Amino acid sequence: MPLVPIVLSLARAMVSARAAGALVLLLLLSSPTGAAPDGPELNALIERISLALGGQDGGQSVLDQAKSYAFTFRRTIKDGPAGRQVTADHRYLFHRGGERVRLDIRIRSGKGKDSATVIVGEDAWLLAEGERHTVDPATAGGRLGEFTPQWLFSVPLALATDGRQLLGGASLSLVGRVREEGGSRFILVGSGPDGEETARIEIDARSYRPVEIAFRSSGGNVVYRYGDYREVARGLILPFRREFLRNGIEVSSTEVFQLKLSKVGDSSLFDPAVLELPGLAKLPH
């Protein structure tokens, strides 16, 4: 039976939250409402949010056009009520428009095994403990997709490209501004057909970038928090910190080290004959 990295198993539990988030955003479609107190007119605010994240030609569209990139990050996941914690470094390589893909995982603390999952065309394999295990490429592709910047930062990326479509709903309102020490936030609230709040988006009033997104899902109340935004390429602006909470309990935290849009130089990383797991360069220790 093929080995499956523990971090992959934990990540699959978060898929329902992503699907619920997409449904919540879809609730926010239609014609925009008017102005709200202590804030700009809603259309103007939506436009500023989009521009602050790269604009309609930035965000998701930049990644969609990338032929190759390397994405490295560290994630800590707490599993279940017992609070078992696993911290691992990750390197996701996207090469030749997706013809070659590789995910390396190196466990820093907690239980798990160092591994690499590789997809080359119609072939896929898992490397762990000096052995190579053939895996189904479609299944592997679905699992690896959960470690892409497109998945981890789907909301900020979508707000850049499709901000007006995603946020311009009759059910969306700007309820005001929350002032706190060191800054303030605009509060956007989405309501369902019954008038009850379905989503809440908090926007930093200085940068016009989202810092918190909350919604209800079948698994309870879900919150994503974002911070440390950086422009990694023209029009591609990502938060380098992400937290995921469910029912007030932190489930995972992610710290991005690098997203580099460039070719993968080491072809041995996609060679099925190579069983060794190299160290992940340029990651802090």
Protein backbone atom coordinates (compact mmCIF):
# COMPACT_ATOMS: atom_id res chain seq x y z
CA MET A 1 0.00 0.00 0.00
CA PRO A 2 1.50 3.35 -1.03
CA LEU A 3 2.58 5.66 1.76
CA VAL A 4 0.66 8.91 2.05
CA PRO A 5 2.29 11.93 3.77
CA ILE A 6 0.42 12.89 6.91
CA VAL A 7 0.32 16.51 5.80
CA LEU A 8 -1.57 15.53 2.67
CA SER A 9 -4.10 13.60 4.72
CA LEU A 10 -4.70 16.54 7.04
CA ALA A 11 -5.08 18.95 4.14
CA ARG A 12 -7.87 16.92 2.55
CA ALA A 13 -10.04 17.65 5.57
CA MET A 14 -10.03 21.31 4.55
CA VAL A 15 -11.57 20.77 1.08
CA SER A 16 -15.15 21.20 2.36
CA ALA A 17 -14.21 24.59 3.80
CA ARG A 18 -12.92 25.76 0.43
CA ALA A 19 -16.11 24.62 -1.32
CA ALA A 20 -18.24 26.38 1.29
CA GLY A 21 -16.23 29.55 0.78
CA ALA A 22 -16.90 29.46 -2.95
CA LEU A 23 -20.64 29.08 -2.30
CA VAL A 24 -20.60 32.04 0.06
CA LEU A 25 -18.91 34.21 -2.55
CA LEU A 26 -21.51 33.16 -5.11
CA LEU A 27 -24.20 34.47 -2.76
CA LEU A 28 -22.69 37.91 -3.24
CA LEU A 29 -23.56 38.26 -6.94
CA SER A 30 -25.95 40.84 -8.50
CA SER A 31 -26.23 44.63 -8.60
CA PRO A 32 -24.38 46.72 -6.01
CA THR A 33 -25.89 48.60 -3.08
CA GLY A 34 -25.19 52.23 -2.35
CA ALA A 35 -22.88 54.00 0.04
CA ALA A 36 -22.39 53.08 3.67
CA PRO A 37 -21.52 55.30 6.61
CA ASP A 38 -17.88 56.14 7.34
CA GLY A 39 -16.54 54.66 4.12
CA PRO A 40 -16.36 55.14 0.34
CA GLU A 41 -19.20 54.29 -2.01
CA LEU A 42 -19.35 50.50 -2.42
CA ASN A 43 -18.43 50.42 -6.11
CA ALA A 44 -15.40 52.62 -5.43
CA LEU A 45 -14.32 50.40 -2.54
CA ILE A 46 -14.58 47.25 -4.65
CA GLU A 47 -12.46 48.88 -7.35
CA ARG A 48 -9.82 49.91 -4.81
CA ILE A 49 -9.69 46.38 -3.40
CA SER A 50 -9.12 44.96 -6.88
CA LEU A 51 -6.37 47.46 -7.69
CA ALA A 52 -4.66 46.89 -4.34
CA LEU A 53 -4.37 43.19 -5.21
CA GLY A 54 -3.04 43.66 -8.74
CA GLY A 55 -6.13 44.63 -10.74
CA GLN A 56 -8.14 42.69 -13.29
CA ASP A 57 -5.01 41.74 -15.22
CA GLY A 58 -3.24 40.65 -12.05
CA GLY A 59 -3.89 38.09 -9.34
CA GLN A 60 -5.19 34.81 -10.64
CA SER A 61 -4.60 35.72 -14.29
CA VAL A 62 -0.85 36.16 -13.68
CA LEU A 63 -0.54 32.64 -12.26
CA ASP A 64 -2.74 31.22 -15.02
CA GLN A 65 -0.28 32.57 -17.59
CA ALA A 66 2.82 31.31 -15.78
CA LYS A 67 4.53 28.38 -17.49
CA SER A 68 6.67 27.52 -14.47
CA TYR A 69 7.00 28.56 -10.84
CA ALA A 70 8.42 27.44 -7.50
CA PHE A 71 6.38 27.94 -4.33
CA THR A 72 7.95 27.34 -0.91
CA PHE A 73 6.22 27.70 2.43
CA ARG A 74 5.95 26.35 5.96
CA ARG A 75 2.66 25.15 7.38
CA THR A 76 1.63 24.09 10.85
CA ILE A 77 -1.51 21.97 11.18
CA LYS A 78 -3.35 21.02 14.35
CA ASP A 79 -5.22 17.77 13.93
CA GLY A 80 -8.46 17.22 15.82
CA PRO A 81 -9.49 17.86 19.44
CA ALA A 82 -6.26 16.34 20.76
CA GLY A 83 -4.36 19.19 19.12
CA ARG A 84 -1.62 17.04 17.57
CA GLN A 85 0.61 19.46 15.74
CA VAL A 86 2.65 18.90 12.61
CA THR A 87 4.95 21.55 11.14
CA ALA A 88 6.41 20.93 7.70
CA ASP A 89 8.26 22.80 4.98
CA HIS A 90 6.82 22.50 1.49
CA ARG A 91 8.13 23.14 -2.01
CA TYR A 92 5.66 22.99 -4.88
CA LEU A 93 7.20 23.00 -8.38
CA PHE A 94 5.06 23.73 -11.44
CA HIS A 95 6.96 23.17 -14.68
CA ARG A 96 6.20 23.40 -18.41
CA GLY A 97 2.62 24.54 -17.93
CA GLY A 98 1.84 21.68 -15.58
CA GLU A 99 3.42 18.91 -17.63
CA ARG A 100 5.72 18.33 -14.66
CA VAL A 101 4.68 18.91 -11.06
CA ARG A 102 6.41 18.05 -7.80
CA LEU A 103 5.58 18.56 -4.13
CA ASP A 104 8.30 18.06 -1.51
CA ILE A 105 7.37 17.86 2.17
CA ARG A 106 9.95 17.92 4.95
CA ILE A 107 8.67 17.37 8.48
CA ARG A 108 10.15 19.80 11.01
CA SER A 109 8.18 18.71 14.07
CA GLY A 110 5.43 16.22 14.89
CA LYS A 111 4.71 12.86 13.33
CA GLY A 112 5.11 12.34 9.60
CA LYS A 113 7.54 11.25 6.90
CA ASP A 114 9.62 13.30 4.51
CA SER A 115 8.31 12.72 1.01
CA ALA A 116 7.98 13.92 -2.56
CA THR A 117 5.08 13.40 -4.92
CA VAL A 118 5.96 13.76 -8.61
CA ILE A 119 3.77 13.92 -11.71
CA VAL A 120 5.30 13.77 -15.19
CA GLY A 121 2.74 13.54 -17.96
CA GLU A 122 0.69 10.38 -17.40
CA ASP A 123 3.03 9.00 -14.73
CA ALA A 124 3.07 9.75 -11.00
CA TRP A 125 5.00 8.41 -8.05
CA LEU A 126 5.61 8.96 -4.35
CA LEU A 127 9.12 9.00 -2.88
CA ALA A 128 9.53 8.18 0.82
CA GLU A 129 12.12 6.38 2.93
CA GLY A 130 14.30 5.62 -0.09
CA GLU A 131 11.52 3.89 -2.01
CA ARG A 132 9.43 4.77 -5.03
CA HIS A 133 5.69 3.99 -5.08
CA THR A 134 3.57 4.33 -8.22
CA VAL A 135 0.39 6.33 -7.64
CA ASP A 136 -2.61 7.30 -9.73
CA PRO A 137 -1.79 10.58 -11.52
CA ALA A 138 -5.35 11.92 -11.33
CA THR A 139 -5.56 11.28 -7.60
CA ALA A 140 -2.09 12.72 -7.03
CA GLY A 141 -2.94 15.79 -9.10
CA GLY A 142 -6.03 16.46 -7.00
CA ARG A 143 -4.07 16.20 -3.77
CA LEU A 144 -1.20 18.37 -4.98
CA GLY A 145 -3.66 21.00 -6.10
CA GLU A 146 -4.37 21.71 -2.43
CA PHE A 147 -0.80 23.00 -2.02
CA THR A 148 -0.82 25.54 -4.85
CA PRO A 149 -0.90 29.30 -4.32
CA GLN A 150 -4.16 29.29 -6.28
CA TRP A 151 -5.77 27.12 -3.60
CA LEU A 152 -4.16 28.59 -0.49
CA PHE A 153 -4.86 32.19 -1.55
CA SER A 154 -7.95 31.70 -3.71
CA VAL A 155 -9.91 34.60 -2.21
CA PRO A 156 -7.23 37.36 -2.50
CA LEU A 157 -6.38 36.17 -6.02
CA ALA A 158 -10.02 36.17 -7.06
CA LEU A 159 -10.65 39.60 -5.55
CA ALA A 160 -7.94 41.05 -7.79
CA THR A 161 -9.26 39.60 -11.03
CA ASP A 162 -13.00 39.30 -10.36
CA GLY A 163 -13.51 41.63 -7.42
CA ARG A 164 -16.54 43.34 -8.89
CA GLN A 165 -18.21 40.09 -9.86
CA LEU A 166 -17.50 38.41 -6.52
CA LEU A 167 -18.32 41.33 -4.26
CA GLY A 168 -20.78 43.41 -6.27
CA GLY A 169 -23.93 41.78 -4.90
CA ALA A 170 -27.19 43.29 -3.76
CA SER A 171 -26.72 41.19 -0.63
CA LEU A 172 -23.42 42.89 0.17
CA SER A 173 -23.23 46.00 2.30
CA LEU A 174 -20.51 48.16 3.77
CA VAL A 175 -21.60 48.45 7.38
CA GLY A 176 -18.87 50.83 8.49
CA ARG A 177 -15.34 51.10 9.77
CA VAL A 178 -13.76 49.58 12.87
CA ARG A 179 -10.99 51.72 14.31
CA GLU A 180 -8.25 50.14 16.37
CA GLU A 181 -4.80 51.05 17.56
CA GLY A 182 -2.51 51.34 14.57
CA GLY A 183 -5.20 51.45 11.89
CA SER A 184 -8.78 50.70 10.90
CA ARG A 185 -10.80 48.26 8.83
CA PHE A 186 -13.79 48.48 6.51
CA ILE A 187 -16.40 45.82 7.30
CA LEU A 188 -18.29 44.26 4.39
CA VAL A 189 -21.19 41.96 5.24
CA GLY A 190 -22.94 39.57 2.88
CA SER A 191 -26.50 38.43 3.56
CA GLY A 192 -28.43 35.44 2.29
CA PRO A 193 -32.00 35.46 0.88
CA ASP A 194 -33.34 35.27 4.44
CA GLY A 195 -31.45 38.42 5.37
CA GLU A 196 -29.08 36.66 7.74
CA GLU A 197 -25.35 37.31 7.58
CA THR A 198 -23.51 34.68 5.51
CA ALA A 199 -20.08 36.25 5.17
CA ARG A 200 -17.98 39.03 6.63
CA ILE A 201 -14.96 40.55 4.90
CA GLU A 202 -12.62 42.90 6.74
CA ILE A 203 -10.50 45.21 4.57
CA ASP A 204 -7.51 47.16 5.84
CA ALA A 205 -8.53 50.81 5.37
CA ARG A 206 -5.01 51.89 4.44
CA SER A 207 -3.94 49.18 1.98
CA TYR A 208 -7.44 48.08 0.79
CA ARG A 209 -6.39 44.46 1.12
CA PRO A 210 -8.41 41.77 2.92
CA VAL A 211 -7.17 40.86 6.39
CA GLU A 212 -10.00 38.57 7.50
CA ILE A 213 -12.78 36.64 5.77
CA ALA A 214 -15.40 34.77 7.81
CA PHE A 215 -18.35 32.62 6.74
CA ARG A 216 -20.54 29.79 7.91
CA SER A 217 -20.04 26.28 6.58
CA SER A 218 -21.51 22.86 7.31
CA GLY A 219 -18.56 22.31 9.67
CA GLY A 220 -19.14 25.51 11.61
CA ASN A 221 -17.84 29.06 11.51
CA VAL A 222 -14.76 29.44 9.29
CA VAL A 223 -12.26 32.31 9.39
CA TYR A 224 -9.28 33.04 7.13
CA ARG A 225 -6.80 35.71 8.20
CA TYR A 226 -4.19 37.23 5.88
CA GLY A 227 -1.17 39.46 6.39
CA ASP A 228 2.26 40.55 5.12
CA TYR A 229 1.22 41.22 1.53
CA ARG A 230 4.03 41.36 -1.02
CA GLU A 231 4.23 41.88 -4.78
CA VAL A 232 6.11 38.85 -6.10
CA ALA A 233 5.63 39.73 -9.79
CA ARG A 234 3.97 42.53 -11.70
CA GLY A 235 0.31 42.40 -10.73
CA LEU A 236 0.75 39.38 -8.46
CA ILE A 237 0.32 40.41 -4.83
CA LEU A 238 -0.02 37.70 -2.19
CA PRO A 239 -0.27 37.55 1.60
CA PHE A 240 2.79 35.78 2.99
CA ARG A 241 0.87 34.86 6.16
CA ARG A 242 -2.37 32.90 6.35
CA GLU A 243 -4.33 31.49 9.28
CA PHE A 244 -7.31 29.16 9.12
CA LEU A 245 -9.71 28.86 12.05
CA ARG A 246 -12.83 26.79 12.55
CA ASN A 247 -15.24 27.55 15.40
CA GLY A 248 -12.67 29.85 16.97
CA ILE A 249 -9.90 27.24 17.01
CA GLU A 250 -6.80 27.61 14.84
CA VAL A 251 -6.54 24.69 12.42
CA SER A 252 -3.50 25.76 10.42
CA SER A 253 -1.06 28.59 9.83
CA THR A 254 1.01 29.15 6.71
CA GLU A 255 4.15 31.24 6.22
CA VAL A 256 5.26 31.77 2.63
CA PHE A 257 8.99 31.89 1.96
CA GLN A 258 9.01 32.44 -1.79
CA LEU A 259 6.93 32.36 -4.94
CA LYS A 260 9.21 32.61 -7.95
CA LEU A 261 7.94 32.57 -11.52
CA SER A 262 10.83 30.84 -13.26
CA LYS A 263 11.91 27.56 -14.79
CA VAL A 264 12.92 24.61 -12.62
CA GLY A 265 16.60 24.06 -13.41
CA ASP A 266 17.25 20.66 -11.80
CA SER A 267 15.81 18.02 -14.17
CA SER A 268 16.73 15.22 -11.74
CA LEU A 269 13.77 16.28 -9.59
CA PHE A 270 11.51 14.74 -12.24
CA ASP A 271 13.66 11.66 -12.93
CA PRO A 272 11.89 8.46 -11.76
CA ALA A 273 15.26 6.77 -11.22
CA VAL A 274 16.27 9.28 -8.53
CA LEU A 275 15.09 8.14 -5.09
CA GLU A 276 16.95 10.57 -2.84
CA LEU A 277 15.10 13.44 -1.21
CA PRO A 278 17.26 16.56 -1.40
CA GLY A 279 17.11 19.29 1.20
CA LEU A 280 14.93 22.29 0.48
CA ALA A 281 17.29 25.18 -0.14
CA LYS A 282 16.78 28.71 1.16
CA LEU A 283 14.41 27.76 3.95
CA PRO A 284 15.14 29.12 7.44
CA HIS A 285 16.18 26.71 10.19
